[in-house]
């Protein structure tokens, strides 16, 4: 399973992570110190905010899993011909369900 698999720009993010991870070794080969550069954690966060949406970054692992399952079920129904043609509404439907669950959690916590 890949990091942020299926998300827009996930491949670009993973490439940026590879570049950040190789930075200390690259600088050492050039005889430079990476101590003067921003911390690696800051570079990782910069790459994440540059390539991934805020929604993706704030999503919990459970929410990500639920979204994947939701999309797989929708795809199965489209393939079997039982789809109502609302494939473009998959994300909107999932978001609505997620927000309803979040509202219930807040109400229960209050």
N, C-alpha and C. Protein backbone atom coordinates (compact mmCIF):
# COMPACT_ATOMS: atom_id res chain seq x y z
N UNK A 1 0.85 -1.17 0.00
CA UNK A 1 0.00 0.00 0.00
C UNK A 1 0.90 1.24 0.00
N UNK A 2 0.63 2.17 -0.87
CA UNK A 2 1.43 3.38 -0.98
C UNK A 2 0.91 4.48 -0.07
N UNK A 3 1.79 5.39 0.23
CA UNK A 3 1.44 6.56 1.02
C UNK A 3 0.49 7.43 0.21
N UNK A 4 -0.68 7.72 0.75
CA UNK A 4 -1.72 8.52 0.11
C UNK A 4 -2.13 7.94 -1.25
N UNK A 5 -2.21 6.63 -1.31
CA UNK A 5 -2.58 5.96 -2.55
C UNK A 5 -3.93 6.44 -3.06
N UNK A 6 -3.99 6.70 -4.34
CA UNK A 6 -5.24 7.11 -4.97
C UNK A 6 -5.57 8.58 -4.83
N UNK A 7 -4.80 9.31 -4.09
CA UNK A 7 -5.08 10.73 -3.91
C UNK A 7 -4.43 11.54 -5.03
N UNK A 8 -5.07 12.64 -5.41
CA UNK A 8 -4.47 13.50 -6.44
C UNK A 8 -3.09 13.98 -5.98
N UNK A 9 -2.13 13.94 -6.86
CA UNK A 9 -0.76 14.41 -6.63
C UNK A 9 0.03 13.57 -5.63
N UNK A 10 -0.46 12.39 -5.28
CA UNK A 10 0.25 11.53 -4.33
C UNK A 10 1.62 11.14 -4.86
N UNK A 11 1.70 10.88 -6.15
CA UNK A 11 2.99 10.49 -6.73
C UNK A 11 3.98 11.66 -6.64
N UNK A 12 3.50 12.86 -6.90
CA UNK A 12 4.38 14.04 -6.79
C UNK A 12 4.86 14.21 -5.36
N UNK A 13 3.97 13.95 -4.40
CA UNK A 13 4.36 14.06 -2.99
C UNK A 13 5.43 13.03 -2.65
N UNK A 14 5.25 11.80 -3.10
CA UNK A 14 6.24 10.75 -2.81
C UNK A 14 7.59 11.08 -3.46
N UNK A 15 7.57 11.66 -4.64
CA UNK A 15 8.81 12.08 -5.31
C UNK A 15 9.49 13.19 -4.48
N UNK A 16 8.69 14.14 -4.00
CA UNK A 16 9.24 15.21 -3.17
C UNK A 16 9.83 14.65 -1.88
N UNK A 17 9.18 13.62 -1.30
CA UNK A 17 9.73 12.98 -0.10
C UNK A 17 11.07 12.33 -0.38
N UNK A 18 11.18 11.69 -1.54
CA UNK A 18 12.45 11.08 -1.92
C UNK A 18 13.55 12.14 -2.02
N UNK A 19 13.20 13.29 -2.58
CA UNK A 19 14.17 14.38 -2.71
C UNK A 19 14.58 14.91 -1.34
N UNK A 20 13.61 15.06 -0.44
CA UNK A 20 13.91 15.54 0.91
C UNK A 20 14.78 14.53 1.64
N UNK A 21 14.44 13.26 1.52
CA UNK A 21 15.21 12.21 2.19
C UNK A 21 16.64 12.10 1.70
N UNK A 22 16.87 12.40 0.43
CA UNK A 22 18.21 12.31 -0.13
C UNK A 22 19.02 13.57 0.02
N UNK A 23 18.40 14.61 0.54
CA UNK A 23 19.07 15.91 0.64
C UNK A 23 20.33 15.89 1.52
N UNK A 24 20.29 15.32 2.73
CA UNK A 24 21.52 15.32 3.55
C UNK A 24 22.69 14.61 2.87
N UNK A 25 22.42 13.49 2.23
CA UNK A 25 23.48 12.74 1.56
C UNK A 25 24.03 13.53 0.36
N UNK A 26 23.12 14.18 -0.36
CA UNK A 26 23.53 14.98 -1.52
C UNK A 26 24.41 16.15 -1.08
N UNK A 27 24.01 16.83 0.00
CA UNK A 27 24.79 17.96 0.50
C UNK A 27 26.15 17.49 1.03
N UNK A 28 26.16 16.32 1.69
CA UNK A 28 27.43 15.78 2.21
C UNK A 28 28.38 15.48 1.06
N UNK A 29 27.85 14.97 -0.05
CA UNK A 29 28.68 14.66 -1.21
C UNK A 29 29.28 15.92 -1.81
N UNK A 30 28.56 17.04 -1.65
CA UNK A 30 29.04 18.32 -2.15
C UNK A 30 29.94 19.03 -1.14
N UNK A 31 30.10 18.41 0.03
CA UNK A 31 30.92 19.01 1.07
C UNK A 31 30.23 20.12 1.83
N UNK A 32 28.91 20.17 1.74
CA UNK A 32 28.13 21.20 2.43
C UNK A 32 27.45 20.58 3.65
N UNK A 33 27.12 21.43 4.59
CA UNK A 33 26.42 20.98 5.79
C UNK A 33 24.93 21.22 5.64
N UNK A 34 24.14 20.24 6.02
CA UNK A 34 22.69 20.41 5.96
C UNK A 34 22.15 21.08 7.21
N UNK A 35 23.05 21.36 8.16
CA UNK A 35 22.65 22.00 9.42
C UNK A 35 22.14 23.42 9.18
N UNK A 36 22.58 24.05 8.08
CA UNK A 36 22.15 25.42 7.77
C UNK A 36 20.80 25.45 7.07
N UNK A 37 20.36 24.30 6.57
CA UNK A 37 19.07 24.21 5.88
C UNK A 37 17.93 24.07 6.89
N UNK A 38 16.70 24.28 6.42
CA UNK A 38 15.56 24.05 7.32
C UNK A 38 15.54 22.58 7.78
N UNK A 39 14.93 22.30 8.93
CA UNK A 39 14.85 20.91 9.40
C UNK A 39 14.10 20.04 8.39
N UNK A 40 14.46 18.76 8.35
CA UNK A 40 13.80 17.83 7.43
C UNK A 40 12.30 17.79 7.66
N UNK A 41 11.88 17.88 8.92
CA UNK A 41 10.44 17.85 9.23
C UNK A 41 9.72 19.01 8.54
N UNK A 42 10.34 20.17 8.51
CA UNK A 42 9.75 21.33 7.85
C UNK A 42 9.67 21.11 6.34
N UNK A 43 10.70 20.51 5.77
CA UNK A 43 10.70 20.23 4.33
C UNK A 43 9.62 19.21 3.97
N UNK A 44 9.42 18.23 4.84
CA UNK A 44 8.37 17.22 4.61
C UNK A 44 7.00 17.87 4.66
N UNK A 45 6.78 18.72 5.66
CA UNK A 45 5.48 19.41 5.76
C UNK A 45 5.26 20.34 4.56
N UNK A 46 6.31 21.00 4.13
CA UNK A 46 6.19 21.87 2.95
C UNK A 46 5.78 21.07 1.72
N UNK A 47 6.39 19.90 1.54
CA UNK A 47 6.06 19.04 0.40
C UNK A 47 4.60 18.58 0.50
N UNK A 48 4.17 18.22 1.70
CA UNK A 48 2.79 17.76 1.88
C UNK A 48 1.79 18.86 1.56
N UNK A 49 2.01 20.06 2.07
CA UNK A 49 1.07 21.14 1.81
C UNK A 49 1.11 21.62 0.36
N UNK A 50 2.24 21.42 -0.28
CA UNK A 50 2.36 21.82 -1.69
C UNK A 50 1.62 20.85 -2.61
N UNK A 51 1.70 19.55 -2.33
CA UNK A 51 1.19 18.55 -3.26
C UNK A 51 -0.16 17.93 -2.87
N UNK A 52 -0.53 18.01 -1.60
CA UNK A 52 -1.77 17.36 -1.15
C UNK A 52 -2.75 18.41 -0.64
N UNK A 53 -4.03 18.13 -0.82
CA UNK A 53 -5.04 19.09 -0.37
C UNK A 53 -5.18 19.04 1.14
N UNK A 54 -5.69 20.11 1.69
CA UNK A 54 -5.91 20.19 3.14
C UNK A 54 -6.86 19.09 3.60
N UNK A 55 -7.86 18.80 2.78
CA UNK A 55 -8.83 17.75 3.11
C UNK A 55 -8.13 16.40 3.28
N UNK A 56 -7.22 16.09 2.38
CA UNK A 56 -6.49 14.82 2.44
C UNK A 56 -5.62 14.78 3.68
N UNK A 57 -4.95 15.88 3.99
CA UNK A 57 -4.04 15.91 5.13
C UNK A 57 -4.76 15.83 6.47
N UNK A 58 -5.98 16.35 6.53
CA UNK A 58 -6.72 16.35 7.79
C UNK A 58 -7.56 15.11 7.99
N UNK A 59 -7.66 14.29 6.97
CA UNK A 59 -8.47 13.08 7.06
C UNK A 59 -7.78 12.05 7.96
N UNK A 60 -8.57 11.38 8.80
CA UNK A 60 -8.01 10.34 9.65
C UNK A 60 -7.81 9.07 8.82
N UNK A 61 -6.98 8.15 9.30
CA UNK A 61 -6.82 6.88 8.58
C UNK A 61 -8.16 6.15 8.41
N UNK A 62 -9.01 6.22 9.42
CA UNK A 62 -10.32 5.56 9.34
C UNK A 62 -11.15 6.20 8.22
N UNK A 63 -11.15 7.52 8.14
CA UNK A 63 -11.90 8.21 7.09
C UNK A 63 -11.35 7.86 5.71
N UNK A 64 -10.04 7.77 5.59
CA UNK A 64 -9.44 7.40 4.31
C UNK A 64 -9.86 6.00 3.91
N UNK A 65 -9.85 5.08 4.87
CA UNK A 65 -10.25 3.70 4.59
C UNK A 65 -11.72 3.66 4.18
N UNK A 66 -12.57 4.37 4.91
CA UNK A 66 -14.00 4.39 4.58
C UNK A 66 -14.23 4.94 3.19
N UNK A 67 -13.47 5.95 2.81
CA UNK A 67 -13.60 6.54 1.48
C UNK A 67 -13.22 5.53 0.40
N UNK A 68 -12.13 4.79 0.63
CA UNK A 68 -11.70 3.78 -0.34
C UNK A 68 -12.76 2.71 -0.49
N UNK A 69 -13.29 2.23 0.64
CA UNK A 69 -14.34 1.19 0.60
C UNK A 69 -15.57 1.72 -0.13
N UNK A 70 -15.95 2.95 0.17
CA UNK A 70 -17.11 3.59 -0.46
C UNK A 70 -16.93 3.63 -1.99
N UNK A 71 -15.76 4.05 -2.43
CA UNK A 71 -15.49 4.16 -3.87
C UNK A 71 -15.47 2.79 -4.54
N UNK A 72 -14.90 1.80 -3.85
CA UNK A 72 -14.88 0.44 -4.41
C UNK A 72 -16.30 -0.10 -4.58
N UNK A 73 -17.15 0.14 -3.60
CA UNK A 73 -18.54 -0.31 -3.70
C UNK A 73 -19.27 0.38 -4.85
N UNK A 74 -19.00 1.66 -5.02
CA UNK A 74 -19.64 2.40 -6.12
C UNK A 74 -19.15 1.86 -7.47
N UNK A 75 -17.85 1.55 -7.55
CA UNK A 75 -17.31 1.01 -8.80
C UNK A 75 -17.92 -0.35 -9.11
N UNK A 76 -18.08 -1.18 -8.09
CA UNK A 76 -18.68 -2.49 -8.29
C UNK A 76 -20.11 -2.36 -8.80
N UNK A 77 -20.85 -1.41 -8.26
CA UNK A 77 -22.24 -1.23 -8.69
C UNK A 77 -22.29 -0.67 -10.11
N UNK A 78 -21.30 0.16 -10.50
CA UNK A 78 -21.25 0.67 -11.87
C UNK A 78 -20.96 -0.45 -12.86
N UNK A 79 -20.03 -1.34 -12.48
CA UNK A 79 -19.64 -2.44 -13.35
C UNK A 79 -20.79 -3.41 -13.53
N UNK A 80 -21.53 -3.66 -12.45
CA UNK A 80 -22.64 -4.62 -12.53
C UNK A 80 -23.86 -4.03 -13.21
N UNK A 81 -23.83 -2.74 -13.51
CA UNK A 81 -24.93 -2.12 -14.23
C UNK A 81 -26.03 -1.59 -13.34
N UNK A 82 -25.84 -1.66 -12.04
CA UNK A 82 -26.88 -1.18 -11.15
C UNK A 82 -26.68 0.26 -10.73
N UNK A 83 -25.76 0.92 -11.36
CA UNK A 83 -25.49 2.32 -11.02
C UNK A 83 -26.59 3.21 -11.58
N UNK A 84 -26.84 4.28 -10.84
CA UNK A 84 -27.82 5.26 -11.30
C UNK A 84 -27.19 6.36 -12.14
N UNK A 85 -25.92 6.15 -12.51
CA UNK A 85 -25.22 7.14 -13.32
C UNK A 85 -24.64 8.26 -12.49
N UNK A 86 -24.64 8.13 -11.18
CA UNK A 86 -24.17 9.20 -10.31
C UNK A 86 -22.73 9.04 -9.88
N UNK A 87 -21.90 8.51 -10.72
CA UNK A 87 -20.50 8.29 -10.37
C UNK A 87 -19.79 9.56 -9.96
N UNK A 88 -20.20 10.68 -10.53
CA UNK A 88 -19.54 11.93 -10.18
C UNK A 88 -19.93 12.40 -8.78
N UNK A 89 -20.94 11.77 -8.20
CA UNK A 89 -21.39 12.16 -6.88
C UNK A 89 -20.75 11.33 -5.77
N UNK A 90 -19.84 10.45 -6.12
CA UNK A 90 -19.24 9.55 -5.13
C UNK A 90 -18.62 10.35 -4.00
N UNK A 91 -17.78 11.30 -4.32
CA UNK A 91 -17.08 12.06 -3.30
C UNK A 91 -18.07 12.91 -2.51
N UNK A 92 -19.02 13.53 -3.19
CA UNK A 92 -20.01 14.35 -2.50
C UNK A 92 -20.84 13.51 -1.53
N UNK A 93 -21.24 12.32 -1.96
CA UNK A 93 -22.00 11.43 -1.08
C UNK A 93 -21.17 11.01 0.12
N UNK A 94 -19.92 10.67 -0.13
CA UNK A 94 -19.04 10.26 0.96
C UNK A 94 -18.83 11.41 1.94
N UNK A 95 -18.62 12.61 1.41
CA UNK A 95 -18.43 13.79 2.26
C UNK A 95 -19.66 14.03 3.12
N UNK A 96 -20.83 13.90 2.53
CA UNK A 96 -22.07 14.10 3.27
C UNK A 96 -22.18 13.10 4.41
N UNK A 97 -21.88 11.85 4.13
CA UNK A 97 -21.92 10.81 5.15
C UNK A 97 -20.92 11.11 6.26
N UNK A 98 -19.71 11.50 5.89
CA UNK A 98 -18.66 11.81 6.86
C UNK A 98 -19.07 12.99 7.74
N UNK A 99 -19.65 14.03 7.16
CA UNK A 99 -20.06 15.20 7.93
C UNK A 99 -21.20 14.86 8.88
N UNK A 100 -22.13 14.00 8.44
CA UNK A 100 -23.21 13.58 9.32
C UNK A 100 -22.66 12.82 10.52
N UNK A 101 -21.69 11.94 10.29
CA UNK A 101 -21.08 11.19 11.38
C UNK A 101 -20.33 12.13 12.32
N UNK A 102 -19.66 13.12 11.77
CA UNK A 102 -18.93 14.08 12.58
C UNK A 102 -19.88 14.90 13.46
N UNK A 103 -21.02 15.28 12.89
CA UNK A 103 -22.03 16.03 13.63
C UNK A 103 -22.57 15.19 14.78
N UNK A 104 -22.82 13.90 14.52
CA UNK A 104 -23.30 12.99 15.58
C UNK A 104 -22.27 12.88 16.70
N UNK A 105 -20.98 12.78 16.34
CA UNK A 105 -19.93 12.69 17.35
C UNK A 105 -19.88 13.93 18.21
N UNK A 106 -19.98 15.10 17.58
CA UNK A 106 -19.96 16.35 18.34
C UNK A 106 -21.15 16.45 19.28
N UNK A 107 -22.31 16.03 18.78
CA UNK A 107 -23.52 16.07 19.61
C UNK A 107 -23.38 15.13 20.81
N UNK A 108 -22.78 13.98 20.59
CA UNK A 108 -22.60 13.01 21.67
C UNK A 108 -21.58 13.50 22.69
N UNK A 109 -20.58 14.23 22.21
CA UNK A 109 -19.53 14.74 23.11
C UNK A 109 -20.01 15.93 23.93
N UNK A 110 -21.01 16.63 23.44
CA UNK A 110 -21.48 17.84 24.13
C UNK A 110 -22.37 17.54 25.32
